C-alpha atoms as a PDB file:
ATOM      1  CA  MET A   1      13.731  27.455  -3.345  1.00  0.00           C
ATOM      2  CA  SER A   2      12.267  27.312   0.148  1.00  0.00           C
ATOM      3  CA  LYS A   3      13.278  24.235   2.180  1.00  0.00           C
ATOM      4  CA  SER A   4       9.698  23.499   3.183  1.00  0.00           C
ATOM      5  CA  TYR A   5       9.275  19.982   5.070  1.00  0.00           C
ATOM      6  CA  ALA A   6       6.798  18.211   7.423  1.00  0.00           C
ATOM      7  CA  LYS A   7       7.120  18.496  11.063  1.00  0.00           C
ATOM      8  CA  THR A   8       8.339  15.336  12.651  1.00  0.00           C
ATOM      9  CA  SER A   9       5.090  13.877  13.818  1.00  0.00           C
ATOM     10  CA  LEU A  10       2.524  11.734  12.047  1.00  0.00           C
ATOM     11  CA  ALA A  11      -0.326  14.392  12.721  1.00  0.00           C
ATOM     12  CA  ALA A  12       1.662  17.044  11.095  1.00  0.00           C
ATOM     13  CA  ILE A  13       2.549  15.053   8.083  1.00  0.00           C
ATOM     14  CA  ALA A  14      -1.067  14.175   7.685  1.00  0.00           C
ATOM     15  CA  ALA A  15      -2.099  17.520   7.614  1.00  0.00           C
ATOM     16  CA  THR A  16      -0.144  17.933   4.398  1.00  0.00           C
ATOM     17  CA  ALA A  17      -1.049  15.076   2.407  1.00  0.00           C
ATOM     18  CA  LEU A  18      -4.330  13.604   1.602  1.00  0.00           C
ATOM     19  CA  ALA A  19      -6.148  17.052   2.837  1.00  0.00           C
ATOM     20  CA  MET A  20      -4.822  18.588  -0.528  1.00  0.00           C
ATOM     21  CA  LEU A  21      -6.509  16.234  -2.592  1.00  0.00           C
ATOM     22  CA  GLY A  22      -9.899  18.149  -3.120  1.00  0.00           C
ATOM     23  CA  ASN A  23     -12.422  20.567  -1.617  1.00  0.00           C
ATOM     24  CA  PRO A  24     -14.179  19.814   1.498  1.00  0.00           C
ATOM     25  CA  ALA A  25     -17.518  17.618   0.790  1.00  0.00           C
ATOM     26  CA  SER A  26     -20.641  19.136   0.184  1.00  0.00           C
ATOM     27  CA  ALA A  27     -22.484  16.101   2.037  1.00  0.00           C
ATOM     28  CA  ALA A  28     -21.558  13.962   4.651  1.00  0.00           C
ATOM     29  CA  PRO A  29     -19.466  10.951   3.819  1.00  0.00           C
ATOM     30  CA  PRO A  30     -21.005   7.605   3.981  1.00  0.00           C
ATOM     31  CA  GLU A  31     -21.369   5.689   7.368  1.00  0.00           C
ATOM     32  CA  PRO A  32     -18.452   3.449   8.114  1.00  0.00           C
ATOM     33  CA  THR A  33     -19.081  -0.303   7.798  1.00  0.00           C
ATOM     34  CA  LYS A  34     -17.817  -3.484   8.760  1.00  0.00           C
ATOM     35  CA  ALA A  35     -16.593  -6.700   7.180  1.00  0.00           C
ATOM     36  CA  ALA A  36     -20.246  -8.016   8.052  1.00  0.00           C
ATOM     37  CA  PRO A  37     -21.157 -11.700   7.580  1.00  0.00           C
ATOM     38  CA  GLN A  38     -23.472 -10.625   4.655  1.00  0.00           C
ATOM     39  CA  LEU A  39     -20.787  -8.762   3.068  1.00  0.00           C
ATOM     40  CA  ILE A  40     -18.347 -11.798   3.271  1.00  0.00           C
ATOM     41  CA  GLU A  41     -21.120 -14.239   1.991  1.00  0.00           C
ATOM     42  CA  ALA A  42     -21.621 -11.848  -0.981  1.00  0.00           C
ATOM     43  CA  ALA A  43     -17.902 -11.623  -1.608  1.00  0.00           C
ATOM     44  CA  LYS A  44     -17.575 -15.536  -1.750  1.00  0.00           C
ATOM     45  CA  LYS A  45     -20.336 -15.558  -4.224  1.00  0.00           C
ATOM     46  CA  GLU A  46     -18.365 -13.044  -6.439  1.00  0.00           C
ATOM     47  CA  GLY A  47     -15.297 -15.343  -5.659  1.00  0.00           C
ATOM     48  CA  LYS A  48     -12.489 -13.154  -6.759  1.00  0.00           C
ATOM     49  CA  VAL A  49     -11.288  -9.491  -6.502  1.00  0.00           C
ATOM     50  CA  VAL A  50      -8.835  -8.009  -9.132  1.00  0.00           C
ATOM     51  CA  TRP A  51      -6.329  -5.348  -7.570  1.00  0.00           C
ATOM     52  CA  TYR A  52      -4.463  -3.078  -9.442  1.00  0.00           C
ATOM     53  CA  THR A  53      -1.661  -1.946  -7.622  1.00  0.00           C
ATOM     54  CA  SER A  54       2.052  -0.404  -8.015  1.00  0.00           C
ATOM     55  CA  VAL A  55       3.244  -2.056  -4.325  1.00  0.00           C
ATOM     56  CA  ASP A  56       6.071  -4.246  -5.379  1.00  0.00           C
ATOM     57  CA  LEU A  57       5.027  -7.666  -6.402  1.00  0.00           C
ATOM     58  CA  PRO A  58       6.420  -9.774  -3.605  1.00  0.00           C
ATOM     59  CA  MET A  59       4.580  -7.729  -1.071  1.00  0.00           C
ATOM     60  CA  ALA A  60       1.437  -7.473  -3.041  1.00  0.00           C
ATOM     61  CA  GLU A  61       1.321 -11.014  -3.219  1.00  0.00           C
ATOM     62  CA  LYS A  62       1.820 -11.307   0.505  1.00  0.00           C
ATOM     63  CA  ILE A  63      -1.116  -9.174   1.038  1.00  0.00           C
ATOM     64  CA  ALA A  64      -3.309 -10.775  -1.410  1.00  0.00           C
ATOM     65  CA  LYS A  65      -2.293 -14.492   0.435  1.00  0.00           C
ATOM     66  CA  ALA A  66      -3.043 -13.084   3.812  1.00  0.00           C
ATOM     67  CA  PHE A  67      -6.563 -12.000   2.731  1.00  0.00           C
ATOM     68  CA  GLU A  68      -7.124 -15.448   0.912  1.00  0.00           C
ATOM     69  CA  VAL A  69      -6.454 -16.988   4.139  1.00  0.00           C
ATOM     70  CA  LYS A  70      -8.769 -14.707   6.169  1.00  0.00           C
ATOM     71  CA  TYR A  71     -11.467 -15.078   3.641  1.00  0.00           C
ATOM     72  CA  PRO A  72     -11.320 -18.600   1.818  1.00  0.00           C
ATOM     73  CA  GLY A  73     -13.342 -18.472  -1.275  1.00  0.00           C
ATOM     74  CA  VAL A  74     -12.391 -15.055  -2.524  1.00  0.00           C
ATOM     75  CA  ALA A  75      -9.245 -15.209  -4.632  1.00  0.00           C
ATOM     76  CA  VAL A  76      -7.127 -12.164  -5.175  1.00  0.00           C
ATOM     77  CA  ARG A  77      -5.655 -11.410  -9.006  1.00  0.00           C
ATOM     78  CA  VAL A  78      -2.941  -9.075  -8.344  1.00  0.00           C
ATOM     79  CA  GLU A  79      -2.184  -6.654 -11.304  1.00  0.00           C
ATOM     80  CA  ARG A  80       1.007  -5.051 -10.487  1.00  0.00           C
ATOM     81  CA  SER A  81       2.825  -2.183 -12.595  1.00  0.00           C
ATOM     82  CA  GLY A  82       4.409   1.019 -11.843  1.00  0.00           C
ATOM     83  CA  ALA A  83       1.836   3.663 -10.622  1.00  0.00           C
ATOM     84  CA  GLU A  84       2.204   5.661 -13.837  1.00  0.00           C
ATOM     85  CA  ARG A  85       1.383   2.543 -15.955  1.00  0.00           C
ATOM     86  CA  VAL A  86      -1.516   1.674 -13.647  1.00  0.00           C
ATOM     87  CA  PHE A  87      -2.944   5.141 -14.158  1.00  0.00           C
ATOM     88  CA  GLN A  88      -2.825   4.892 -18.079  1.00  0.00           C
ATOM     89  CA  ARG A  89      -4.271   1.388 -18.140  1.00  0.00           C
ATOM     90  CA  ILE A  90      -7.227   2.382 -15.956  1.00  0.00           C
ATOM     91  CA  GLY A  91      -7.765   5.446 -18.276  1.00  0.00           C
ATOM     92  CA  GLN A  92      -7.568   3.595 -21.339  1.00  0.00           C
ATOM     93  CA  GLU A  93      -9.896   0.888 -20.066  1.00  0.00           C
ATOM     94  CA  TYR A  94     -12.659   3.410 -18.721  1.00  0.00           C
ATOM     95  CA  SER A  95     -12.204   5.459 -21.922  1.00  0.00           C
ATOM     96  CA  SER A  96     -13.250   2.327 -23.607  1.00  0.00           C
ATOM     97  CA  LYS A  97     -15.747   1.029 -21.101  1.00  0.00           C
ATOM     98  CA  ILE A  98     -13.900  -1.734 -19.917  1.00  0.00           C
ATOM     99  CA  TYR A  99     -14.112  -2.432 -16.226  1.00  0.00           C
ATOM    100  CA  ALA A 100     -11.665  -4.818 -15.134  1.00  0.00           C
ATOM    101  CA  ALA A 101     -10.247  -3.571 -11.979  1.00  0.00           C
ATOM    102  CA  ASP A 102     -12.060  -3.689  -8.669  1.00  0.00           C
ATOM    103  CA  ALA A 103      -9.774  -2.290  -6.154  1.00  0.00           C
ATOM    104  CA  VAL A 104      -6.828   0.284  -6.993  1.00  0.00           C
ATOM    105  CA  ASN A 105      -3.869   1.520  -5.159  1.00  0.00           C
ATOM    106  CA  SER A 106      -1.300   4.134  -6.417  1.00  0.00           C
ATOM    107  CA  SER A 107       2.090   5.634  -5.126  1.00  0.00           C
ATOM    108  CA  ASP A 108       0.873   8.649  -7.015  1.00  0.00           C
ATOM    109  CA  ALA A 109      -1.967  10.126  -4.709  1.00  0.00           C
ATOM    110  CA  ALA A 110      -2.699  12.684  -7.699  1.00  0.00           C
ATOM    111  CA  HIS A 111      -4.204   9.938  -9.461  1.00  0.00           C
ATOM    112  CA  PHE A 112      -7.261  10.004  -7.053  1.00  0.00           C
ATOM    113  CA  ILE A 113      -7.680  13.734  -7.615  1.00  0.00           C
ATOM    114  CA  VAL A 114      -8.310  12.624 -11.678  1.00  0.00           C
ATOM    115  CA  TRP A 115     -10.358   9.624 -10.694  1.00  0.00           C
ATOM    116  CA  LYS A 116     -12.606  11.140  -8.100  1.00  0.00           C
ATOM    117  CA  ARG A 117     -12.970  14.384 -10.656  1.00  0.00           C
ATOM    118  CA  ASP A 118     -14.076  11.838 -13.472  1.00  0.00           C
ATOM    119  CA  GLY A 119     -16.301   9.886 -11.142  1.00  0.00           C
ATOM    120  CA  TRP A 120     -14.592   6.496 -11.452  1.00  0.00           C
ATOM    121  CA  LEU A 121     -14.367   5.841  -7.548  1.00  0.00           C
ATOM    122  CA  MET A 122     -16.978   4.083  -5.274  1.00  0.00           C
ATOM    123  CA  ALA A 123     -17.593   5.514  -1.682  1.00  0.00           C
ATOM    124  CA  ASP A 124     -16.572   3.127   1.078  1.00  0.00           C
ATOM    125  CA  VAL A 125     -15.243   3.912   4.644  1.00  0.00           C
ATOM    126  CA  PRO A 126     -14.036   0.791   6.421  1.00  0.00           C
ATOM    127  CA  GLU A 127     -14.584   1.034  10.004  1.00  0.00           C
ATOM    128  CA  ASP A 128     -10.636   0.916  10.935  1.00  0.00           C
ATOM    129  CA  VAL A 129     -10.357   4.016   8.393  1.00  0.00           C
ATOM    130  CA  ALA A 130     -12.884   6.060  10.410  1.00  0.00           C
ATOM    131  CA  LYS A 131     -11.742   4.951  13.802  1.00  0.00           C
ATOM    132  CA  TYR A 132      -7.796   5.023  13.449  1.00  0.00           C
ATOM    133  CA  PHE A 133      -6.898   7.065  10.644  1.00  0.00           C
ATOM    134  CA  PRO A 134      -6.352  10.786  10.717  1.00  0.00           C
ATOM    135  CA  LYS A 135      -9.247  12.705   9.139  1.00  0.00           C
ATOM    136  CA  ASP A 136      -6.794  14.384   6.822  1.00  0.00           C
ATOM    137  CA  GLN A 137      -5.718  10.895   5.571  1.00  0.00           C
ATOM    138  CA  GLN A 138      -9.371  10.197   4.393  1.00  0.00           C
ATOM    139  CA  ASP A 139     -11.232  11.530   1.526  1.00  0.00           C
ATOM    140  CA  PRO A 140     -14.005  13.609   2.736  1.00  0.00           C
ATOM    141  CA  ASP A 141     -16.588  11.969   0.539  1.00  0.00           C
ATOM    142  CA  GLY A 142     -15.182   8.540   1.518  1.00  0.00           C
ATOM    143  CA  MET A 143     -13.637   7.461  -1.949  1.00  0.00           C
ATOM    144  CA  PHE A 144     -10.350   6.697  -0.759  1.00  0.00           C
ATOM    145  CA  ALA A 145      -7.838   6.874   2.372  1.00  0.00           C
ATOM    146  CA  ALA A 146      -4.040   6.609   2.983  1.00  0.00           C
ATOM    147  CA  PHE A 147      -3.185   2.859   2.573  1.00  0.00           C
ATOM    148  CA  ARG A 148       0.748   3.265   2.820  1.00  0.00           C
ATOM    149  CA  VAL A 149       3.581   5.529   3.270  1.00  0.00           C
ATOM    150  CA  THR A 150       6.608   5.398   1.676  1.00  0.00           C
ATOM    151  CA  LEU A 151      10.029   7.056   1.819  1.00  0.00           C
ATOM    152  CA  SER A 152      12.288   7.897  -1.065  1.00  0.00           C
ATOM    153  CA  PRO A 153      15.700   8.204   0.524  1.00  0.00           C
ATOM    154  CA  ILE A 154      19.290   7.627  -0.786  1.00  0.00           C
ATOM    155  CA  GLY A 155      20.866   4.011  -0.360  1.00  0.00           C
ATOM    156  CA  TYR A 156      24.136   2.766  -0.824  1.00  0.00           C
ATOM    157  CA  ASN A 157      26.064  -0.782  -1.158  1.00  0.00           C
ATOM    158  CA  THR A 158      28.373  -1.132   2.207  1.00  0.00           C
ATOM    159  CA  THR A 159      30.885  -3.292   0.097  1.00  0.00           C
ATOM    160  CA  LEU A 160      31.399  -0.613  -2.220  1.00  0.00           C
ATOM    161  CA  VAL A 161      30.943   2.634  -0.064  1.00  0.00           C
ATOM    162  CA  LYS A 162      32.564   3.122   3.356  1.00  0.00           C
ATOM    163  CA  LYS A 163      30.487   4.595   5.708  1.00  0.00           C
ATOM    164  CA  GLU A 164      32.510   7.708   6.416  1.00  0.00           C
ATOM    165  CA  GLU A 165      32.572   8.306   2.636  1.00  0.00           C
ATOM    166  CA  ALA A 166      29.028   7.736   1.944  1.00  0.00           C
ATOM    167  CA  PRO A 167      26.637  10.826   0.761  1.00  0.00           C
ATOM    168  CA  LYS A 168      24.741  12.715   3.587  1.00  0.00           C
ATOM    169  CA  SER A 169      22.585  15.044   0.994  1.00  0.00           C
ATOM    170  CA  PHE A 170      21.217  14.914  -2.383  1.00  0.00           C
ATOM    171  CA  LYS A 171      23.805  17.524  -3.431  1.00  0.00           C
ATOM    172  CA  ASP A 172      26.565  15.082  -2.200  1.00  0.00           C
ATOM    173  CA  LEU A 173      25.638  12.986  -5.069  1.00  0.00           C
ATOM    174  CA  LEU A 174      26.839  15.727  -7.325  1.00  0.00           C
ATOM    175  CA  ASP A 175      30.453  14.856  -6.283  1.00  0.00           C
ATOM    176  CA  PRO A 176      32.572  13.745  -9.295  1.00  0.00           C
ATOM    177  CA  LYS A 177      33.647  10.770  -7.369  1.00  0.00           C
ATOM    178  CA  TRP A 178      30.085   9.278  -7.783  1.00  0.00           C
ATOM    179  CA  SER A 179      30.143   9.407 -11.677  1.00  0.00           C
ATOM    180  CA  GLY A 180      29.027   6.194 -13.204  1.00  0.00           C
ATOM    181  CA  LYS A 181      28.174   4.660  -9.759  1.00  0.00           C
ATOM    182  CA  ILE A 182      24.624   5.856  -9.219  1.00  0.00           C
ATOM    183  CA  VAL A 183      21.512   4.327 -10.090  1.00  0.00           C
ATOM    184  CA  LYS A 184      18.025   6.215 -10.245  1.00  0.00           C
ATOM    185  CA  ALA A 185      14.154   5.488 -11.104  1.00  0.00           C
ATOM    186  CA  HIS A 186      12.294   7.251 -13.410  1.00  0.00           C
ATOM    187  CA  PRO A 187       8.932   9.519 -12.634  1.00  0.00           C
ATOM    188  CA  SER A 188       7.562   8.586 -16.442  1.00  0.00           C
ATOM    189  CA  TYR A 189       6.893   5.157 -15.011  1.00  0.00           C
ATOM    190  CA  SER A 190       6.994   5.240 -11.138  1.00  0.00           C
ATOM    191  CA  GLY A 191       4.485   7.565  -9.308  1.00  0.00           C
ATOM    192  CA  THR A 192       6.936   7.390  -6.106  1.00  0.00           C
ATOM    193  CA  ILE A 193       9.545   8.779  -8.293  1.00  0.00           C
ATOM    194  CA  LEU A 194       7.227  11.480  -9.778  1.00  0.00           C
ATOM    195  CA  THR A 195       6.171  12.625  -6.560  1.00  0.00           C
ATOM    196  CA  ALA A 196       9.876  12.422  -5.346  1.00  0.00           C
ATOM    197  CA  THR A 197      11.227  14.469  -8.237  1.00  0.00           C
ATOM    198  CA  TYR A 198       8.395  17.164  -7.723  1.00  0.00           C
ATOM    199  CA  GLN A 199       9.152  17.707  -3.870  1.00  0.00           C
ATOM    200  CA  THR A 200      13.094  17.421  -4.462  1.00  0.00           C
ATOM    201  CA  ALA A 201      12.790  19.978  -7.158  1.00  0.00           C
ATOM    202  CA  ARG A 202      10.596  22.229  -5.442  1.00  0.00           C
ATOM    203  CA  ASP A 203      12.914  22.341  -2.438  1.00  0.00           C
ATOM    204  CA  ILE A 204      16.294  22.238  -3.613  1.00  0.00           C
ATOM    205  CA  GLY A 205      15.833  23.259  -7.144  1.00  0.00           C
ATOM    206  CA  TRP A 206      15.543  21.655 -10.853  1.00  0.00           C
ATOM    207  CA  GLU A 207      19.420  22.700 -11.228  1.00  0.00           C
ATOM    208  CA  TYR A 208      20.111  19.544  -8.981  1.00  0.00           C
ATOM    209  CA  PHE A 209      18.475  17.335 -11.426  1.00  0.00           C
ATOM    210  CA  GLU A 210      20.266  18.837 -14.280  1.00  0.00           C
ATOM    211  CA  LYS A 211      23.721  18.363 -12.849  1.00  0.00           C
ATOM    212  CA  LEU A 212      22.692  15.148 -11.622  1.00  0.00           C
ATOM    213  CA  SER A 213      21.971  14.154 -15.292  1.00  0.00           C
ATOM    214  CA  GLN A 214      25.698  14.811 -16.051  1.00  0.00           C
ATOM    215  CA  GLN A 215      26.833  12.086 -13.629  1.00  0.00           C
ATOM    216  CA  LYS A 216      26.491   8.987 -15.830  1.00  0.00           C
ATOM    217  CA  VAL A 217      23.530   7.724 -13.906  1.00  0.00           C
ATOM    218  CA  MET A 218      22.041   4.342 -14.709  1.00  0.00           C
ATOM    219  CA  GLN A 219      18.316   4.730 -15.429  1.00  0.00           C
ATOM    220  CA  VAL A 220      15.884   2.126 -14.388  1.00  0.00           C
ATOM    221  CA  GLN A 221      12.060   2.376 -14.505  1.00  0.00           C
ATOM    222  CA  SER A 222      10.308   1.308 -11.240  1.00  0.00           C
ATOM    223  CA  ALA A 223      11.052   2.686  -7.755  1.00  0.00           C
ATOM    224  CA  THR A 224      11.785  -0.718  -7.054  1.00  0.00           C
ATOM    225  CA  ASP A 225      14.674  -1.322  -9.067  1.00  0.00           C
ATOM    226  CA  PRO A 226      17.297   0.880  -7.612  1.00  0.00           C
ATOM    227  CA  SER A 227      17.780  -1.153  -4.649  1.00  0.00           C
ATOM    228  CA  LYS A 228      17.895  -4.244  -6.702  1.00  0.00           C
ATOM    229  CA  LYS A 229      20.949  -2.762  -8.440  1.00  0.00           C
ATOM    230  CA  LEU A 230      22.553  -1.953  -5.022  1.00  0.00           C
ATOM    231  CA  SER A 231      22.141  -5.362  -3.695  1.00  0.00           C
ATOM    232  CA  VAL A 232      24.005  -6.988  -6.632  1.00  0.00           C
ATOM    233  CA  GLY A 233      26.703  -4.369  -6.778  1.00  0.00           C
ATOM    234  CA  GLU A 234      25.919  -2.850 -10.416  1.00  0.00           C
ATOM    235  CA  ARG A 235      26.029   0.294  -8.652  1.00  0.00           C
ATOM    236  CA  ALA A 236      27.224   1.767  -5.462  1.00  0.00           C
ATOM    237  CA  ILE A 237      24.808   4.312  -4.780  1.00  0.00           C
ATOM    238  CA  SER A 238      20.808   4.799  -5.398  1.00  0.00           C
ATOM    239  CA  ALA A 239      19.834   8.437  -5.662  1.00  0.00           C
ATOM    240  CA  ASP A 240      16.133   7.530  -4.962  1.00  0.00           C
ATOM    241  CA  GLY A 241      13.712   4.431  -4.998  1.00  0.00           C
ATOM    242  CA  THR A 242      11.927   3.166  -1.867  1.00  0.00           C
ATOM    243  CA  GLU A 243      12.694   3.171   1.715  1.00  0.00           C
ATOM    244  CA  TYR A 244      10.684  -0.189   2.126  1.00  0.00           C
ATOM    245  CA  ASN A 245      12.731  -2.077  -0.558  1.00  0.00           C
ATOM    246  CA  LEU A 246      15.989  -0.985   1.133  1.00  0.00           C
ATOM    247  CA  LEU A 247      14.677  -2.193   4.580  1.00  0.00           C
ATOM    248  CA  GLN A 248      13.572  -5.281   3.144  1.00  0.00           C
ATOM    249  CA  LEU A 249      17.251  -6.011   1.948  1.00  0.00           C
ATOM    250  CA  LYS A 250      19.140  -4.837   4.667  1.00  0.00           C
ATOM    251  CA  GLU A 251      17.001  -6.709   7.151  1.00  0.00           C
ATOM    252  CA  LYS A 252      17.910 -10.099   5.028  1.00  0.00           C
ATOM    253  CA  GLY A 253      21.492  -9.230   5.453  1.00  0.00           C
ATOM    254  CA  GLU A 254      22.080  -7.684   2.032  1.00  0.00           C
ATOM    255  CA  PRO A 255      25.005  -5.174   1.993  1.00  0.00           C
ATOM    256  CA  ILE A 256      22.636  -2.172   2.239  1.00  0.00           C
ATOM    257  CA  GLU A 257      22.494   1.079   4.341  1.00  0.00           C
ATOM    258  CA  ILE A 258      19.886   3.910   3.992  1.00  0.00           C
ATOM    259  CA  VAL A 259      20.673   7.597   4.082  1.00  0.00           C
ATOM    260  CA  TYR A 260      18.053  10.334   4.941  1.00  0.00           C
ATOM    261  CA  PRO A 261      19.192  13.379   3.279  1.00  0.00           C
ATOM    262  CA  THR A 262      19.833  16.550   5.294  1.00  0.00           C
ATOM    263  CA  GLU A 263      17.586  18.844   2.679  1.00  0.00           C
ATOM    264  CA  GLY A 264      14.736  15.809   3.724  1.00  0.00           C
ATOM    265  CA  THR A 265      13.541  12.769   2.322  1.00  0.00           C
ATOM    266  CA  PRO A 266      10.569  12.953  -0.039  1.00  0.00           C
ATOM    267  CA  LEU A 267       7.348  11.486   1.525  1.00  0.00           C
ATOM    268  CA  VAL A 268       4.998   9.738  -0.717  1.00  0.00           C
ATOM    269  CA  VAL A 269       1.500   8.808   0.259  1.00  0.00           C
ATOM    270  CA  GLY A 270      -0.242   5.997  -1.595  1.00  0.00           C
ATOM    271  CA  PRO A 271      -4.003   5.740  -1.531  1.00  0.00           C
ATOM    272  CA  SER A 272      -6.363   3.110  -2.036  1.00  0.00           C
ATOM    273  CA  GLY A 273      -9.833   2.986  -3.059  1.00  0.00           C
ATOM    274  CA  ILE A 274     -12.410   0.829  -5.047  1.00  0.00           C
ATOM    275  CA  MET A 275     -13.356   1.501  -8.648  1.00  0.00           C
ATOM    276  CA  LYS A 276     -16.903   2.644  -9.459  1.00  0.00           C
ATOM    277  CA  ASN A 277     -17.787   0.043 -11.931  1.00  0.00           C
ATOM    278  CA  ALA A 278     -16.029  -2.743 -10.023  1.00  0.00           C
ATOM    279  CA  PRO A 279     -17.192  -6.101 -11.457  1.00  0.00           C
ATOM    280  CA  ASN A 280     -16.708  -7.701  -8.217  1.00  0.00           C
ATOM    281  CA  PRO A 281     -18.137  -4.748  -5.773  1.00  0.00           C
ATOM    282  CA  ASN A 282     -18.780  -6.949  -2.710  1.00  0.00           C
ATOM    283  CA  ALA A 283     -15.367  -8.494  -2.987  1.00  0.00           C
ATOM    284  CA  ALA A 284     -13.844  -4.999  -3.811  1.00  0.00           C
ATOM    285  CA  LYS A 285     -15.145  -3.592  -0.494  1.00  0.00           C
ATOM    286  CA  LEU A 286     -14.073  -6.797   1.547  1.00  0.00           C
ATOM    287  CA  PHE A 287     -10.528  -6.384   0.454  1.00  0.00           C
ATOM    288  CA  ASN A 288     -10.680  -2.652   1.065  1.00  0.00           C
ATOM    289  CA  HIS A 289     -11.646  -3.673   4.674  1.00  0.00           C
ATOM    290  CA  PHE A 290      -8.713  -5.793   4.749  1.00  0.00           C
ATOM    291  CA  LEU A 291      -6.363  -3.453   3.270  1.00  0.00           C
ATOM    292  CA  PHE A 292      -6.858  -0.792   6.039  1.00  0.00           C
ATOM    293  CA  SER A 293      -7.344  -3.485   8.959  1.00  0.00           C
ATOM    294  CA  VAL A 294      -4.638  -3.482  11.945  1.00  0.00           C
ATOM    295  CA  GLU A 295      -3.634  -6.798  10.428  1.00  0.00           C
ATOM    296  CA  CYS A 296      -2.893  -5.780   6.666  1.00  0.00           C
ATOM    297  CA  GLN A 297      -1.173  -2.567   7.933  1.00  0.00           C
ATOM    298  CA  GLN A 298       0.933  -4.118  10.437  1.00  0.00           C
ATOM    299  CA  LEU A 299       1.921  -6.622   7.861  1.00  0.00           C
ATOM    300  CA  ILE A 300       3.037  -3.807   5.094  1.00  0.00           C
ATOM    301  CA  VAL A 301       5.153  -2.475   8.167  1.00  0.00           C
ATOM    302  CA  ASP A 302       6.879  -5.457   9.320  1.00  0.00           C
ATOM    303  CA  VAL A 303       7.305  -7.411   6.173  1.00  0.00           C
ATOM    304  CA  GLY A 304       6.974  -4.695   3.907  1.00  0.00           C
ATOM    305  CA  GLY A 305       9.137  -2.035   5.351  1.00  0.00           C
ATOM    306  CA  MET A 306       6.398   0.616   4.613  1.00  0.00           C
ATOM    307  CA  ARG A 307       5.180   3.313   7.091  1.00  0.00           C
ATOM    308  CA  SER A 308       1.417   3.436   8.206  1.00  0.00           C
ATOM    309  CA  PHE A 309      -1.066   5.986   9.613  1.00  0.00           C
ATOM    310  CA  HIS A 310      -3.120   3.306  11.398  1.00  0.00           C
ATOM    311  CA  SER A 311      -3.019   4.702  15.159  1.00  0.00           C
ATOM    312  CA  GLN A 312      -2.613   0.978  16.219  1.00  0.00           C
ATOM    313  CA  VAL A 313      -0.024  -0.203  14.091  1.00  0.00           C
ATOM    314  CA  LYS A 314       3.504  -0.095  15.678  1.00  0.00           C
ATOM    315  CA  GLU A 315       7.008   0.781  14.173  1.00  0.00           C
ATOM    316  CA  LYS A 316       9.326  -2.186  13.807  1.00  0.00           C
ATOM    317  CA  PRO A 317      12.304  -2.051  16.415  1.00  0.00           C
ATOM    318  CA  GLY A 318      15.645  -1.448  15.023  1.00  0.00           C
ATOM    319  CA  ARG A 319      14.453   0.948  12.348  1.00  0.00           C
ATOM    320  CA  THR A 320      14.752   4.769  12.381  1.00  0.00           C
ATOM    321  CA  PRO A 321      11.315   6.056  13.666  1.00  0.00           C
ATOM    322  CA  LEU A 322       9.609   8.371  11.267  1.00  0.00           C
ATOM    323  CA  LYS A 323       9.573  11.240  13.700  1.00  0.00           C
ATOM    324  CA  GLN A 324      13.341  11.244  13.701  1.00  0.00           C
ATOM    325  CA  ILE A 325      13.371  11.872   9.914  1.00  0.00           C
ATOM    326  CA  LYS A 326      13.446  15.262   8.329  1.00  0.00           C
ATOM    327  CA  LEU A 327      10.559  14.727   5.640  1.00  0.00           C
ATOM    328  CA  MET A 328       9.642  16.874   2.485  1.00  0.00           C
ATOM    329  CA  LYS A 329       6.066  17.796   2.372  1.00  0.00           C
ATOM    330  CA  GLU A 330       3.643  15.941   0.187  1.00  0.00           C
ATOM    331  CA  ASP A 331       1.657  18.060  -2.396  1.00  0.00           C
ATOM    332  CA  PRO A 332      -0.589  15.874  -4.766  1.00  0.00           C
ATOM    333  CA  ALA A 333      -2.602  18.765  -5.926  1.00  0.00           C
ATOM    334  CA  ALA A 334       0.530  20.437  -7.042  1.00  0.00           C
ATOM    335  CA  VAL A 335       1.722  17.245  -8.746  1.00  0.00           C
ATOM    336  CA  GLU A 336      -1.334  16.622 -10.618  1.00  0.00           C
ATOM    337  CA  LYS A 337      -1.041  20.010 -12.031  1.00  0.00           C
ATOM    338  CA  GLN A 338       2.463  19.753 -13.109  1.00  0.00           C
ATOM    339  CA  VAL A 339       2.826  16.165 -14.133  1.00  0.00           C
ATOM    340  CA  GLU A 340       3.522  16.691 -17.481  1.00  0.00           C
ATOM    341  CA  GLU A 341       5.883  19.278 -16.957  1.00  0.00           C
ATOM    342  CA  ILE A 342       7.718  17.337 -14.476  1.00  0.00           C
ATOM    343  CA  LYS A 343       8.219  14.276 -16.788  1.00  0.00           C
ATOM    344  CA  ALA A 344       9.132  16.542 -19.650  1.00  0.00           C
ATOM    345  CA  ARG A 345      11.932  18.354 -17.762  1.00  0.00           C
ATOM    346  CA  TYR A 346      13.212  15.204 -16.498  1.00  0.00           C
ATOM    347  CA  THR A 347      13.366  13.804 -19.739  1.00  0.00           C
ATOM    348  CA  LYS A 348      15.075  16.600 -21.277  1.00  0.00           C
ATOM    349  CA  TYR A 349      18.002  16.438 -18.814  1.00  0.00           C
ATOM    350  CA  PHE A 350      18.425  12.669 -18.514  1.00  0.00           C
ATOM    351  CA  LYS A 351      17.684  12.174 -22.225  1.00  0.00           C
ATOM    352  CA  VAL A 352      15.538   8.850 -21.393  1.00  0.00           C
END
């Protein structure tokens, strides 16, 4: 397997991610729009917005609260689940002509390939997206853009693992000394883990997962779960999960440390968009504007520990700059084609 990974700059990363989601548009995308007074009033008349998201619940609720403070009179109902569950739910609802979701975010960018292909998304280009986001991080038809960037590194509990003994690579996790001490999330539940599994298998081989499955790994569902097991000492090492959960815990004083594997760290782009049959379309558009604003993007970085493509957002001091991390390449189109194979192969190895 070739060890293919993104160059260490946001521009280079952008060129490998959402640009792979589809063919160039046959027509010009819609004109960028502002959160104009007319839109705000229309949103207030609707009174609410329903947001399906795979962002961890505490952060999703912080985003919702910040929006409600900025736009009083428009309530946000957060419907949080793993990305693969969000995808299944929307598929079931739309197949039954049930239109409950207004705005949607997924950590599996491949979902937006399917939703766009099925005609389930509404075009909307917030002004911030047009002005401050790389073109490669915007759908050419204006259906979605990269709301957040997540990494899936290794983590460890510093009370259980000494720094000098900590793993430095994915392959280090195969050392017999880590048997029964590793926790890992599942690609059938989490879009982050599905994407990370694809990238890791592509770059270092499926044999890595086959051998890892023999390490008596604790299997959890969500990408947000491994860090929780670390913080309470149930496991010493997390083989995957989310960088942002590890950062949140570490910055609260929990005994957590992050390892960016020498093979490269999986890069996961999480787009957001609006559902075509949104029951509250104006509130959905206003919420979409907020998600991509510098205010919200700085919030998900500073408080949430995520990364942003918004050019006006600053990285938080004390964290490892993205440009210093060796990254694997995102390829959502390939994930979309191989999703069932990835899940089946993983289940075969881990028997869960």
